[in-house]
């Protein structure tokens, strides 16, 4: 018996609902948790464009649900576990916030190593593949990079020489930069980025080490008066490592077409592009401090050589620490330096 027109219409409607349900089942929403507020450079120039791009390239089947400024809960050091455990699908964080947990990557947080975020991204990606992937179980690293050059910012007095560090309580983001501050004569105070505003406002710290890019979003240029930059013929005083990471199981569960989208928006070239974003952010961050009428000091190469000399034992400490862990510390340091030299960006 032939189906009636009404039956055919009913069957078509059911088929349409099944297809719609199938399409909806393929839609993926990735929970993206990070440390910055929505106005921060990284939010505007890295996170939002990446999310828009994977949305377009997946024909709308994959999108981000972004949770800025730790709005999913927890603290910045906990982000590495949130993505490993699947609480978040995506995160960007500094491994150095979790002191000692990612020791192989600390080579790029040693003083006077790099002076370009772009070169640091290319070098750290290659190094990651050789030495540090095993430090991230359950996690797929989509990108890795360094920030632009880190400088000294102080509230009440400028830092012009090594002696000026004495007695200052200074914030730094990582274990290696805390060690550096101690070596230079300051009293290091470890804390993640969001805590700086309250700490400098209350006088808990006298200043901090930061790159220019992050200053405007937290209005930190309004909370300090002095900025000590370093002669560009020498590597930066310090750098910190960032990782853009995805829960491995979440990635593995994606259909092949969506994995392809993630793969096309991760890796060495993507890391390098993020490094360029960080390098290009310096001017805007610095201009905010200039417009506020702050005071700038350029530390000359001759004075920096004193800082480099007194911080030299930190390299030996890194090598010894890696050797104790059964890793080739001297080779790791040498490889990091050679990679940074290979990818050096001429300014």
C-alpha atoms as a PDB file:
ATOM      1  CA  UNK A   1       0.000   0.000   0.000  1.00  0.00           C
ATOM      2  CA  UNK A   2       1.361   3.386  -0.989  1.00  0.00           C
ATOM      3  CA  UNK A   3       1.848   5.902   1.812  1.00  0.00           C
ATOM      4  CA  UNK A   4      -0.609   8.763   1.835  1.00  0.00           C
ATOM      5  CA  UNK A   5       0.627  12.341   1.330  1.00  0.00           C
ATOM      6  CA  UNK A   6       0.125  12.925   5.053  1.00  0.00           C
ATOM      7  CA  UNK A   7       2.222   9.853   5.907  1.00  0.00           C
ATOM      8  CA  UNK A   8       4.961  10.983   3.522  1.00  0.00           C
ATOM      9  CA  UNK A   9       4.983  14.411   5.138  1.00  0.00           C
ATOM     10  CA  UNK A  10       5.192  12.842   8.590  1.00  0.00           C
ATOM     11  CA  UNK A  11       8.095  10.608   7.550  1.00  0.00           C
ATOM     12  CA  UNK A  12       9.913  13.588   6.036  1.00  0.00           C
ATOM     13  CA  UNK A  13       9.446  15.568   9.244  1.00  0.00           C
ATOM     14  CA  UNK A  14      10.816  12.701  11.330  1.00  0.00           C
ATOM     15  CA  UNK A  15      13.801  12.347   8.997  1.00  0.00           C
ATOM     16  CA  UNK A  16      14.433  16.082   9.261  1.00  0.00           C
ATOM     17  CA  UNK A  17      14.383  15.936  13.031  1.00  0.00           C
ATOM     18  CA  UNK A  18      16.827  13.037  12.986  1.00  0.00           C
ATOM     19  CA  UNK A  19      19.184  14.952  10.720  1.00  0.00           C
ATOM     20  CA  UNK A  20      18.887  18.048  12.906  1.00  0.00           C
ATOM     21  CA  UNK A  21      19.600  15.952  15.965  1.00  0.00           C
ATOM     22  CA  UNK A  22      22.629  14.438  14.239  1.00  0.00           C
ATOM     23  CA  UNK A  23      23.941  17.892  13.323  1.00  0.00           C
ATOM     24  CA  UNK A  24      23.423  19.129  16.846  1.00  0.00           C
ATOM     25  CA  UNK A  25      25.207  16.090  18.216  1.00  0.00           C
ATOM     26  CA  UNK A  26      28.286  17.070  16.216  1.00  0.00           C
ATOM     27  CA  UNK A  27      28.446  20.589  17.657  1.00  0.00           C
ATOM     28  CA  UNK A  28      31.260  20.971  20.140  1.00  0.00           C
ATOM     29  CA  UNK A  29      31.619  23.715  22.741  1.00  0.00           C
ATOM     30  CA  UNK A  30      35.086  24.019  24.266  1.00  0.00           C
ATOM     31  CA  UNK A  31      35.375  25.560  27.731  1.00  0.00           C
ATOM     32  CA  UNK A  32      38.310  27.999  27.567  1.00  0.00           C
ATOM     33  CA  UNK A  33      39.644  29.201  30.941  1.00  0.00           C
ATOM     34  CA  UNK A  34      42.398  31.792  31.346  1.00  0.00           C
ATOM     35  CA  UNK A  35      43.879  34.466  33.601  1.00  0.00           C
ATOM     36  CA  UNK A  36      43.242  37.715  31.696  1.00  0.00           C
ATOM     37  CA  UNK A  37      40.317  40.102  31.782  1.00  0.00           C
ATOM     38  CA  UNK A  38      38.383  40.518  28.510  1.00  0.00           C
ATOM     39  CA  UNK A  39      40.156  43.806  27.687  1.00  0.00           C
ATOM     40  CA  UNK A  40      43.668  42.378  27.956  1.00  0.00           C
ATOM     41  CA  UNK A  41      45.881  42.158  24.901  1.00  0.00           C
ATOM     42  CA  UNK A  42      45.868  38.363  24.936  1.00  0.00           C
ATOM     43  CA  UNK A  43      42.073  38.218  25.164  1.00  0.00           C
ATOM     44  CA  UNK A  44      41.604  40.586  22.238  1.00  0.00           C
ATOM     45  CA  UNK A  45      44.490  39.614  19.957  1.00  0.00           C
ATOM     46  CA  UNK A  46      44.982  35.892  20.588  1.00  0.00           C
ATOM     47  CA  UNK A  47      42.042  34.176  22.280  1.00  0.00           C
ATOM     48  CA  UNK A  48      39.089  35.829  20.496  1.00  0.00           C
ATOM     49  CA  UNK A  49      40.651  35.504  16.993  1.00  0.00           C
ATOM     50  CA  UNK A  50      41.521  31.846  17.589  1.00  0.00           C
ATOM     51  CA  UNK A  51      38.010  31.035  18.747  1.00  0.00           C
ATOM     52  CA  UNK A  52      36.507  32.895  15.787  1.00  0.00           C
ATOM     53  CA  UNK A  53      38.793  31.033  13.398  1.00  0.00           C
ATOM     54  CA  UNK A  54      37.985  27.537  14.627  1.00  0.00           C
ATOM     55  CA  UNK A  55      34.310  28.482  14.452  1.00  0.00           C
ATOM     56  CA  UNK A  56      34.600  29.552  10.808  1.00  0.00           C
ATOM     57  CA  UNK A  57      36.797  26.652   9.740  1.00  0.00           C
ATOM     58  CA  UNK A  58      34.491  24.104  11.385  1.00  0.00           C
ATOM     59  CA  UNK A  59      31.452  25.640   9.679  1.00  0.00           C
ATOM     60  CA  UNK A  60      30.036  26.486  13.088  1.00  0.00           C
ATOM     61  CA  UNK A  61      30.362  22.964  14.485  1.00  0.00           C
ATOM     62  CA  UNK A  62      32.961  23.982  17.064  1.00  0.00           C
ATOM     63  CA  UNK A  63      33.032  27.042  19.290  1.00  0.00           C
ATOM     64  CA  UNK A  64      34.560  28.374  22.490  1.00  0.00           C
ATOM     65  CA  UNK A  65      32.841  29.245  25.719  1.00  0.00           C
ATOM     66  CA  UNK A  66      35.392  31.634  27.199  1.00  0.00           C
ATOM     67  CA  UNK A  67      35.831  32.060  30.947  1.00  0.00           C
ATOM     68  CA  UNK A  68      38.154  35.050  31.480  1.00  0.00           C
ATOM     69  CA  UNK A  69      39.915  36.175  34.648  1.00  0.00           C
ATOM     70  CA  UNK A  70      39.677  32.761  36.375  1.00  0.00           C
ATOM     71  CA  UNK A  71      35.874  32.956  36.323  1.00  0.00           C
ATOM     72  CA  UNK A  72      35.524  29.156  36.364  1.00  0.00           C
ATOM     73  CA  UNK A  73      37.106  29.175  39.799  1.00  0.00           C
ATOM     74  CA  UNK A  74      40.415  28.112  41.214  1.00  0.00           C
ATOM     75  CA  UNK A  75      43.735  29.936  41.065  1.00  0.00           C
ATOM     76  CA  UNK A  76      46.130  30.488  38.149  1.00  0.00           C
ATOM     77  CA  UNK A  77      48.529  27.742  39.320  1.00  0.00           C
ATOM     78  CA  UNK A  78      45.616  25.294  39.168  1.00  0.00           C
ATOM     79  CA  UNK A  79      44.969  25.814  35.450  1.00  0.00           C
ATOM     80  CA  UNK A  80      47.457  23.120  34.439  1.00  0.00           C
ATOM     81  CA  UNK A  81      45.460  20.570  36.443  1.00  0.00           C
ATOM     82  CA  UNK A  82      42.110  21.916  35.293  1.00  0.00           C
ATOM     83  CA  UNK A  83      42.986  21.166  31.677  1.00  0.00           C
ATOM     84  CA  UNK A  84      44.702  17.852  32.498  1.00  0.00           C
ATOM     85  CA  UNK A  85      41.653  16.689  34.480  1.00  0.00           C
ATOM     86  CA  UNK A  86      39.112  17.962  31.941  1.00  0.00           C
ATOM     87  CA  UNK A  87      37.574  20.652  34.159  1.00  0.00           C
ATOM     88  CA  UNK A  88      38.501  23.018  31.320  1.00  0.00           C
ATOM     89  CA  UNK A  89      38.945  21.977  27.692  1.00  0.00           C
ATOM     90  CA  UNK A  90      41.383  24.764  26.878  1.00  0.00           C
ATOM     91  CA  UNK A  91      43.658  26.976  28.955  1.00  0.00           C
ATOM     92  CA  UNK A  92      46.465  29.465  28.553  1.00  0.00           C
ATOM     93  CA  UNK A  93      48.780  29.774  31.507  1.00  0.00           C
ATOM     94  CA  UNK A  94      52.365  30.067  32.674  1.00  0.00           C
ATOM     95  CA  UNK A  95      53.853  26.711  33.690  1.00  0.00           C
ATOM     96  CA  UNK A  96      56.147  28.709  35.964  1.00  0.00           C
ATOM     97  CA  UNK A  97      53.189  29.564  38.191  1.00  0.00           C
ATOM     98  CA  UNK A  98      53.495  25.985  39.481  1.00  0.00           C
ATOM     99  CA  UNK A  99      57.025  26.160  40.855  1.00  0.00           C
ATOM    100  CA  UNK A 100      59.212  23.158  40.121  1.00  0.00           C
ATOM    101  CA  UNK A 101      56.541  21.149  38.315  1.00  0.00           C
ATOM    102  CA  UNK A 102      57.828  21.855  34.805  1.00  0.00           C
ATOM    103  CA  UNK A 103      61.577  22.039  35.397  1.00  0.00           C
ATOM    104  CA  UNK A 104      62.701  21.355  31.822  1.00  0.00           C
ATOM    105  CA  UNK A 105      60.928  24.474  30.531  1.00  0.00           C
ATOM    106  CA  UNK A 106      62.549  26.662  33.176  1.00  0.00           C
ATOM    107  CA  UNK A 107      65.585  26.973  30.915  1.00  0.00           C
ATOM    108  CA  UNK A 108      63.757  29.764  29.050  1.00  0.00           C
ATOM    109  CA  UNK A 109      63.015  31.537  32.341  1.00  0.00           C
ATOM    110  CA  UNK A 110      66.688  31.848  33.220  1.00  0.00           C
ATOM    111  CA  UNK A 111      67.963  35.443  33.048  1.00  0.00           C
ATOM    112  CA  UNK A 112      69.389  37.008  29.922  1.00  0.00           C
ATOM    113  CA  UNK A 113      68.345  34.259  27.497  1.00  0.00           C
ATOM    114  CA  UNK A 114      66.047  35.846  24.907  1.00  0.00           C
ATOM    115  CA  UNK A 115      65.006  39.250  23.627  1.00  0.00           C
ATOM    116  CA  UNK A 116      62.231  38.312  21.214  1.00  0.00           C
ATOM    117  CA  UNK A 117      58.940  36.564  21.894  1.00  0.00           C
ATOM    118  CA  UNK A 118      58.850  35.376  18.274  1.00  0.00           C
ATOM    119  CA  UNK A 119      62.294  33.756  18.481  1.00  0.00           C
ATOM    120  CA  UNK A 120      61.401  32.400  21.913  1.00  0.00           C
ATOM    121  CA  UNK A 121      58.262  30.779  20.503  1.00  0.00           C
ATOM    122  CA  UNK A 122      60.121  29.002  17.734  1.00  0.00           C
ATOM    123  CA  UNK A 123      62.926  27.905  20.057  1.00  0.00           C
ATOM    124  CA  UNK A 124      60.646  26.721  22.856  1.00  0.00           C
ATOM    125  CA  UNK A 125      58.438  24.721  20.447  1.00  0.00           C
ATOM    126  CA  UNK A 126      61.448  22.754  19.176  1.00  0.00           C
ATOM    127  CA  UNK A 127      62.794  22.315  22.701  1.00  0.00           C
ATOM    128  CA  UNK A 128      59.381  21.195  23.988  1.00  0.00           C
ATOM    129  CA  UNK A 129      59.255  18.319  21.510  1.00  0.00           C
ATOM    130  CA  UNK A 130      62.686  17.061  22.613  1.00  0.00           C
ATOM    131  CA  UNK A 131      62.629  17.573  26.366  1.00  0.00           C
ATOM    132  CA  UNK A 132      59.367  18.693  27.941  1.00  0.00           C
ATOM    133  CA  UNK A 133      56.264  17.025  26.450  1.00  0.00           C
ATOM    134  CA  UNK A 134      56.389  14.336  29.137  1.00  0.00           C
ATOM    135  CA  UNK A 135      55.860  17.063  31.744  1.00  0.00           C
ATOM    136  CA  UNK A 136      52.280  17.479  30.453  1.00  0.00           C
ATOM    137  CA  UNK A 137      50.493  14.108  30.803  1.00  0.00           C
ATOM    138  CA  UNK A 138      46.887  14.130  29.669  1.00  0.00           C
ATOM    139  CA  UNK A 139      47.456  17.434  27.909  1.00  0.00           C
ATOM    140  CA  UNK A 140      47.910  18.413  24.274  1.00  0.00           C
ATOM    141  CA  UNK A 141      50.080  21.514  23.855  1.00  0.00           C
ATOM    142  CA  UNK A 142      48.694  23.647  21.038  1.00  0.00           C
ATOM    143  CA  UNK A 143      51.271  26.445  21.322  1.00  0.00           C
ATOM    144  CA  UNK A 144      54.156  27.644  23.449  1.00  0.00           C
ATOM    145  CA  UNK A 145      55.893  31.018  23.508  1.00  0.00           C
ATOM    146  CA  UNK A 146      57.716  33.559  25.648  1.00  0.00           C
ATOM    147  CA  UNK A 147      56.484  37.051  26.395  1.00  0.00           C
ATOM    148  CA  UNK A 148      58.252  40.161  25.136  1.00  0.00           C
ATOM    149  CA  UNK A 149      61.155  41.568  27.113  1.00  0.00           C
ATOM    150  CA  UNK A 150      60.573  41.836  30.851  1.00  0.00           C
ATOM    151  CA  UNK A 151      61.525  45.043  32.645  1.00  0.00           C
ATOM    152  CA  UNK A 152      61.685  46.491  36.162  1.00  0.00           C
ATOM    153  CA  UNK A 153      58.789  48.677  37.349  1.00  0.00           C
ATOM    154  CA  UNK A 154      58.916  50.400  40.752  1.00  0.00           C
ATOM    155  CA  UNK A 155      56.621  52.611  42.770  1.00  0.00           C
ATOM    156  CA  UNK A 156      58.778  54.948  44.864  1.00  0.00           C
ATOM    157  CA  UNK A 157      62.336  54.915  43.521  1.00  0.00           C
ATOM    158  CA  UNK A 158      64.031  54.054  40.217  1.00  0.00           C
ATOM    159  CA  UNK A 159      66.380  51.138  39.673  1.00  0.00           C
ATOM    160  CA  UNK A 160      69.490  52.327  37.835  1.00  0.00           C
ATOM    161  CA  UNK A 161      72.241  50.075  39.214  1.00  0.00           C
ATOM    162  CA  UNK A 162      72.618  46.734  40.877  1.00  0.00           C
ATOM    163  CA  UNK A 163      72.812  48.417  44.288  1.00  0.00           C
ATOM    164  CA  UNK A 164      69.320  49.904  43.818  1.00  0.00           C
ATOM    165  CA  UNK A 165      67.717  46.468  44.175  1.00  0.00           C
ATOM    166  CA  UNK A 166      68.783  46.183  47.795  1.00  0.00           C
ATOM    167  CA  UNK A 167      65.835  46.340  50.174  1.00  0.00           C
ATOM    168  CA  UNK A 168      63.161  46.248  47.461  1.00  0.00           C
ATOM    169  CA  UNK A 169      60.300  43.778  47.736  1.00  0.00           C
ATOM    170  CA  UNK A 170      59.707  42.750  44.131  1.00  0.00           C
ATOM    171  CA  UNK A 171      57.172  40.473  42.486  1.00  0.00           C
ATOM    172  CA  UNK A 172      58.190  37.943  39.891  1.00  0.00           C
ATOM    173  CA  UNK A 173      56.072  35.286  38.147  1.00  0.00           C
ATOM    174  CA  UNK A 174      58.303  32.208  38.304  1.00  0.00           C
ATOM    175  CA  UNK A 175      60.797  30.336  40.448  1.00  0.00           C
ATOM    176  CA  UNK A 176      63.722  31.323  38.227  1.00  0.00           C
ATOM    177  CA  UNK A 177      62.845  35.024  38.266  1.00  0.00           C
ATOM    178  CA  UNK A 178      62.495  34.881  42.034  1.00  0.00           C
ATOM    179  CA  UNK A 179      65.987  33.401  42.175  1.00  0.00           C
ATOM    180  CA  UNK A 180      67.189  36.178  39.887  1.00  0.00           C
ATOM    181  CA  UNK A 181      65.766  38.876  42.157  1.00  0.00           C
ATOM    182  CA  UNK A 182      67.495  37.330  45.171  1.00  0.00           C
ATOM    183  CA  UNK A 183      70.763  37.265  43.257  1.00  0.00           C
ATOM    184  CA  UNK A 184      70.365  40.927  42.324  1.00  0.00           C
ATOM    185  CA  UNK A 185      69.756  41.848  45.974  1.00  0.00           C
ATOM    186  CA  UNK A 186      65.975  42.280  46.117  1.00  0.00           C
ATOM    187  CA  UNK A 187      63.499  40.353  48.255  1.00  0.00           C
ATOM    188  CA  UNK A 188      61.363  38.266  45.867  1.00  0.00           C
ATOM    189  CA  UNK A 189      57.627  37.898  46.401  1.00  0.00           C
ATOM    190  CA  UNK A 190      56.020  35.212  44.255  1.00  0.00           C
ATOM    191  CA  UNK A 191      52.466  35.785  43.050  1.00  0.00           C
ATOM    192  CA  UNK A 192      50.418  35.359  39.879  1.00  0.00           C
ATOM    193  CA  UNK A 193      49.514  38.308  37.700  1.00  0.00           C
ATOM    194  CA  UNK A 194      46.038  39.167  39.104  1.00  0.00           C
ATOM    195  CA  UNK A 195      47.431  39.609  42.628  1.00  0.00           C
ATOM    196  CA  UNK A 196      49.844  42.404  41.646  1.00  0.00           C
ATOM    197  CA  UNK A 197      47.271  45.186  41.680  1.00  0.00           C
ATOM    198  CA  UNK A 198      46.337  44.665  45.311  1.00  0.00           C
ATOM    199  CA  UNK A 199      49.924  44.025  46.400  1.00  0.00           C
ATOM    200  CA  UNK A 200      51.413  47.168  44.892  1.00  0.00           C
ATOM    201  CA  UNK A 201      48.425  49.255  45.970  1.00  0.00           C
ATOM    202  CA  UNK A 202      48.846  48.211  49.611  1.00  0.00           C
ATOM    203  CA  UNK A 203      52.618  48.519  49.507  1.00  0.00           C
ATOM    204  CA  UNK A 204      53.123  44.799  50.051  1.00  0.00           C
ATOM    205  CA  UNK A 205      55.588  45.030  47.176  1.00  0.00           C
ATOM    206  CA  UNK A 206      57.700  47.944  45.954  1.00  0.00           C
ATOM    207  CA  UNK A 207      57.539  46.909  42.346  1.00  0.00           C
ATOM    208  CA  UNK A 208      57.490  44.032  39.917  1.00  0.00           C
ATOM    209  CA  UNK A 209      59.020  42.481  36.838  1.00  0.00           C
ATOM    210  CA  UNK A 210      56.690  42.535  33.840  1.00  0.00           C
ATOM    211  CA  UNK A 211      56.674  42.986  30.071  1.00  0.00           C
ATOM    212  CA  UNK A 212      54.915  46.050  28.669  1.00  0.00           C
ATOM    213  CA  UNK A 213      52.001  44.199  27.080  1.00  0.00           C
ATOM    214  CA  UNK A 214      50.121  43.399  30.265  1.00  0.00           C
ATOM    215  CA  UNK A 215      50.480  46.767  32.011  1.00  0.00           C
ATOM    216  CA  UNK A 216      47.542  48.717  30.473  1.00  0.00           C
ATOM    217  CA  UNK A 217      44.835  46.104  31.081  1.00  0.00           C
ATOM    218  CA  UNK A 218      45.517  46.203  34.829  1.00  0.00           C
ATOM    219  CA  UNK A 219      46.351  49.944  34.829  1.00  0.00           C
ATOM    220  CA  UNK A 220      49.647  49.128  36.506  1.00  0.00           C
ATOM    221  CA  UNK A 221      51.325  52.084  34.810  1.00  0.00           C
ATOM    222  CA  UNK A 222      49.146  54.259  37.062  1.00  0.00           C
ATOM    223  CA  UNK A 223      50.366  52.481  40.206  1.00  0.00           C
ATOM    224  CA  UNK A 224      54.109  52.866  39.651  1.00  0.00           C
ATOM    225  CA  UNK A 225      56.218  55.823  38.583  1.00  0.00           C
ATOM    226  CA  UNK A 226      59.518  54.340  37.427  1.00  0.00           C
ATOM    227  CA  UNK A 227      60.395  51.958  34.615  1.00  0.00           C
ATOM    228  CA  UNK A 228      63.880  50.517  34.103  1.00  0.00           C
ATOM    229  CA  UNK A 229      64.426  49.121  30.623  1.00  0.00           C
ATOM    230  CA  UNK A 230      67.517  47.247  29.487  1.00  0.00           C
ATOM    231  CA  UNK A 231      69.929  47.934  26.647  1.00  0.00           C
ATOM    232  CA  UNK A 232      68.596  46.007  23.621  1.00  0.00           C
ATOM    233  CA  UNK A 233      72.100  44.831  22.697  1.00  0.00           C
ATOM    234  CA  UNK A 234      71.817  42.438  25.643  1.00  0.00           C
ATOM    235  CA  UNK A 235      69.191  39.719  26.063  1.00  0.00           C
ATOM    236  CA  UNK A 236      66.172  40.555  28.207  1.00  0.00           C
ATOM    237  CA  UNK A 237      66.465  40.590  31.981  1.00  0.00           C
ATOM    238  CA  UNK A 238      63.964  37.737  32.114  1.00  0.00           C
ATOM    239  CA  UNK A 239      61.233  35.946  30.189  1.00  0.00           C
ATOM    240  CA  UNK A 240      58.383  33.657  31.158  1.00  0.00           C
ATOM    241  CA  UNK A 241      56.930  30.725  29.235  1.00  0.00           C
ATOM    242  CA  UNK A 242      53.271  30.506  28.229  1.00  0.00           C
ATOM    243  CA  UNK A 243      51.447  27.388  27.050  1.00  0.00           C
ATOM    244  CA  UNK A 244      48.161  27.098  25.196  1.00  0.00           C
ATOM    245  CA  UNK A 245      46.899  23.636  26.119  1.00  0.00           C
ATOM    246  CA  UNK A 246      43.959  21.339  25.450  1.00  0.00           C
ATOM    247  CA  UNK A 247      42.678  18.350  27.375  1.00  0.00           C
ATOM    248  CA  UNK A 248      44.045  15.338  25.471  1.00  0.00           C
ATOM    249  CA  UNK A 249      40.935  13.194  25.922  1.00  0.00           C
ATOM    250  CA  UNK A 250      38.727  16.028  24.649  1.00  0.00           C
ATOM    251  CA  UNK A 251      40.886  16.306  21.542  1.00  0.00           C
ATOM    252  CA  UNK A 252      40.946  12.527  21.026  1.00  0.00           C
ATOM    253  CA  UNK A 253      37.132  12.401  21.184  1.00  0.00           C
ATOM    254  CA  UNK A 254      36.682  14.941  18.393  1.00  0.00           C
ATOM    255  CA  UNK A 255      35.587  13.704  14.959  1.00  0.00           C
ATOM    256  CA  UNK A 256      38.320  13.744  12.309  1.00  0.00           C
ATOM    257  CA  UNK A 257      37.143  16.961  10.645  1.00  0.00           C
ATOM    258  CA  UNK A 258      37.259  18.918  13.921  1.00  0.00           C
ATOM    259  CA  UNK A 259      40.653  17.463  14.868  1.00  0.00           C
ATOM    260  CA  UNK A 260      41.885  18.769  11.537  1.00  0.00           C
ATOM    261  CA  UNK A 261      40.692  22.268  12.449  1.00  0.00           C
ATOM    262  CA  UNK A 262      42.514  22.150  15.798  1.00  0.00           C
ATOM    263  CA  UNK A 263      45.655  20.818  14.104  1.00  0.00           C
ATOM    264  CA  UNK A 264      45.570  23.627  11.539  1.00  0.00           C
ATOM    265  CA  UNK A 265      45.432  26.169  14.377  1.00  0.00           C
ATOM    266  CA  UNK A 266      48.211  24.841  16.560  1.00  0.00           C
ATOM    267  CA  UNK A 267      51.885  23.972  16.332  1.00  0.00           C
ATOM    268  CA  UNK A 268      55.162  25.709  15.514  1.00  0.00           C
ATOM    269  CA  UNK A 269      53.805  28.289  13.059  1.00  0.00           C
ATOM    270  CA  UNK A 270      50.905  29.173  15.351  1.00  0.00           C
ATOM    271  CA  UNK A 271      53.313  29.551  18.278  1.00  0.00           C
ATOM    272  CA  UNK A 272      55.477  31.885  16.219  1.00  0.00           C
ATOM    273  CA  UNK A 273      52.452  33.999  15.281  1.00  0.00           C
ATOM    274  CA  UNK A 274      51.568  34.431  18.960  1.00  0.00           C
ATOM    275  CA  UNK A 275      55.148  35.442  19.691  1.00  0.00           C
ATOM    276  CA  UNK A 276      54.845  38.162  17.047  1.00  0.00           C
ATOM    277  CA  UNK A 277      51.657  39.407  18.713  1.00  0.00           C
ATOM    278  CA  UNK A 278      53.531  39.752  22.002  1.00  0.00           C
ATOM    279  CA  UNK A 279      56.484  41.543  20.376  1.00  0.00           C
ATOM    280  CA  UNK A 280      54.152  43.946  18.598  1.00  0.00           C
ATOM    281  CA  UNK A 281      52.327  44.745  21.836  1.00  0.00           C
ATOM    282  CA  UNK A 282      55.274  46.525  23.451  1.00  0.00           C
ATOM    283  CA  UNK A 283      54.753  49.966  21.942  1.00  0.00           C
ATOM    284  CA  UNK A 284      51.141  50.353  23.080  1.00  0.00           C
ATOM    285  CA  UNK A 285      51.954  49.241  26.615  1.00  0.00           C
ATOM    286  CA  UNK A 286      54.912  51.592  26.861  1.00  0.00           C
ATOM    287  CA  UNK A 287      52.929  54.519  25.462  1.00  0.00           C
ATOM    288  CA  UNK A 288      50.382  54.219  28.278  1.00  0.00           C
ATOM    289  CA  UNK A 289      53.182  54.781  30.806  1.00  0.00           C
ATOM    290  CA  UNK A 290      54.604  57.661  28.759  1.00  0.00           C
ATOM    291  CA  UNK A 291      51.206  59.344  28.540  1.00  0.00           C
ATOM    292  CA  UNK A 292      50.898  59.025  32.317  1.00  0.00           C
ATOM    293  CA  UNK A 293      54.112  61.005  32.736  1.00  0.00           C
ATOM    294  CA  UNK A 294      56.172  58.224  34.239  1.00  0.00           C
ATOM    295  CA  UNK A 295      59.980  58.223  34.422  1.00  0.00           C
ATOM    296  CA  UNK A 296      62.084  55.919  32.227  1.00  0.00           C
ATOM    297  CA  UNK A 297      65.640  54.697  32.771  1.00  0.00           C
ATOM    298  CA  UNK A 298      67.711  52.772  30.229  1.00  0.00           C
ATOM    299  CA  UNK A 299      70.156  50.430  31.943  1.00  0.00           C
ATOM    300  CA  UNK A 300      73.330  50.573  29.805  1.00  0.00           C
ATOM    301  CA  UNK A 301      75.117  47.470  28.583  1.00  0.00           C
ATOM    302  CA  UNK A 302      78.088  48.170  30.863  1.00  0.00           C
ATOM    303  CA  UNK A 303      75.844  48.053  33.951  1.00  0.00           C
ATOM    304  CA  UNK A 304      73.893  45.060  32.657  1.00  0.00           C
ATOM    305  CA  UNK A 305      77.124  43.122  32.359  1.00  0.00           C
ATOM    306  CA  UNK A 306      77.365  43.359  36.168  1.00  0.00           C
ATOM    307  CA  UNK A 307      73.854  41.911  36.482  1.00  0.00           C
ATOM    308  CA  UNK A 308      74.710  39.129  34.051  1.00  0.00           C
ATOM    309  CA  UNK A 309      77.859  38.272  36.002  1.00  0.00           C
ATOM    310  CA  UNK A 310      76.162  37.985  39.402  1.00  0.00           C
ATOM    311  CA  UNK A 311      73.294  35.900  37.988  1.00  0.00           C
ATOM    312  CA  UNK A 312      75.592  33.395  36.237  1.00  0.00           C
ATOM    313  CA  UNK A 313      75.311  30.765  39.033  1.00  0.00           C
ATOM    314  CA  UNK A 314      71.635  30.299  38.129  1.00  0.00           C
ATOM    315  CA  UNK A 315      72.694  28.492  34.944  1.00  0.00           C
ATOM    316  CA  UNK A 316      74.837  26.065  36.942  1.00  0.00           C
ATOM    317  CA  UNK A 317      71.926  25.513  39.330  1.00  0.00           C
ATOM    318  CA  UNK A 318      69.635  24.644  36.412  1.00  0.00           C
ATOM    319  CA  UNK A 319      72.124  22.162  34.985  1.00  0.00           C
ATOM    320  CA  UNK A 320      72.642  20.533  38.392  1.00  0.00           C
ATOM    321  CA  UNK A 321      68.873  20.308  38.965  1.00  0.00           C
ATOM    322  CA  UNK A 322      68.323  18.599  35.612  1.00  0.00           C
ATOM    323  CA  UNK A 323      71.235  16.230  36.197  1.00  0.00           C
ATOM    324  CA  UNK A 324      69.697  15.192  39.525  1.00  0.00           C
ATOM    325  CA  UNK A 325      66.487  14.349  37.675  1.00  0.00           C
ATOM    326  CA  UNK A 326      68.411  12.136  35.246  1.00  0.00           C
ATOM    327  CA  UNK A 327      68.249  14.622  32.393  1.00  0.00           C
ATOM    328  CA  UNK A 328      71.170  16.075  30.394  1.00  0.00           C
ATOM    329  CA  UNK A 329      71.209  19.529  31.987  1.00  0.00           C
ATOM    330  CA  UNK A 330      74.223  20.922  30.164  1.00  0.00           C
ATOM    331  CA  UNK A 331      72.911  19.748  26.790  1.00  0.00           C
ATOM    332  CA  UNK A 332      69.459  21.171  27.524  1.00  0.00           C
ATOM    333  CA  UNK A 333      70.898  24.597  28.311  1.00  0.00           C
ATOM    334  CA  UNK A 334      73.115  24.463  25.238  1.00  0.00           C
ATOM    335  CA  UNK A 335      70.208  23.416  23.002  1.00  0.00           C
ATOM    336  CA  UNK A 336      68.013  26.243  24.316  1.00  0.00           C
ATOM    337  CA  UNK A 337      70.733  28.802  23.646  1.00  0.00           C
ATOM    338  CA  UNK A 338      71.449  27.433  20.179  1.00  0.00           C
ATOM    339  CA  UNK A 339      67.756  27.439  19.256  1.00  0.00           C
ATOM    340  CA  UNK A 340      67.345  31.028  20.421  1.00  0.00           C
ATOM    341  CA  UNK A 341      70.405  32.003  18.353  1.00  0.00           C
ATOM    342  CA  UNK A 342      69.095  30.135  15.311  1.00  0.00           C
ATOM    343  CA  UNK A 343      65.745  31.881  15.410  1.00  0.00           C
ATOM    344  CA  UNK A 344      67.046  35.275  16.540  1.00  0.00           C
ATOM    345  CA  UNK A 345      64.955  38.179  15.267  1.00  0.00           C
ATOM    346  CA  UNK A 346      66.879  41.315  14.288  1.00  0.00           C
ATOM    347  CA  UNK A 347      65.207  44.403  15.692  1.00  0.00           C
END
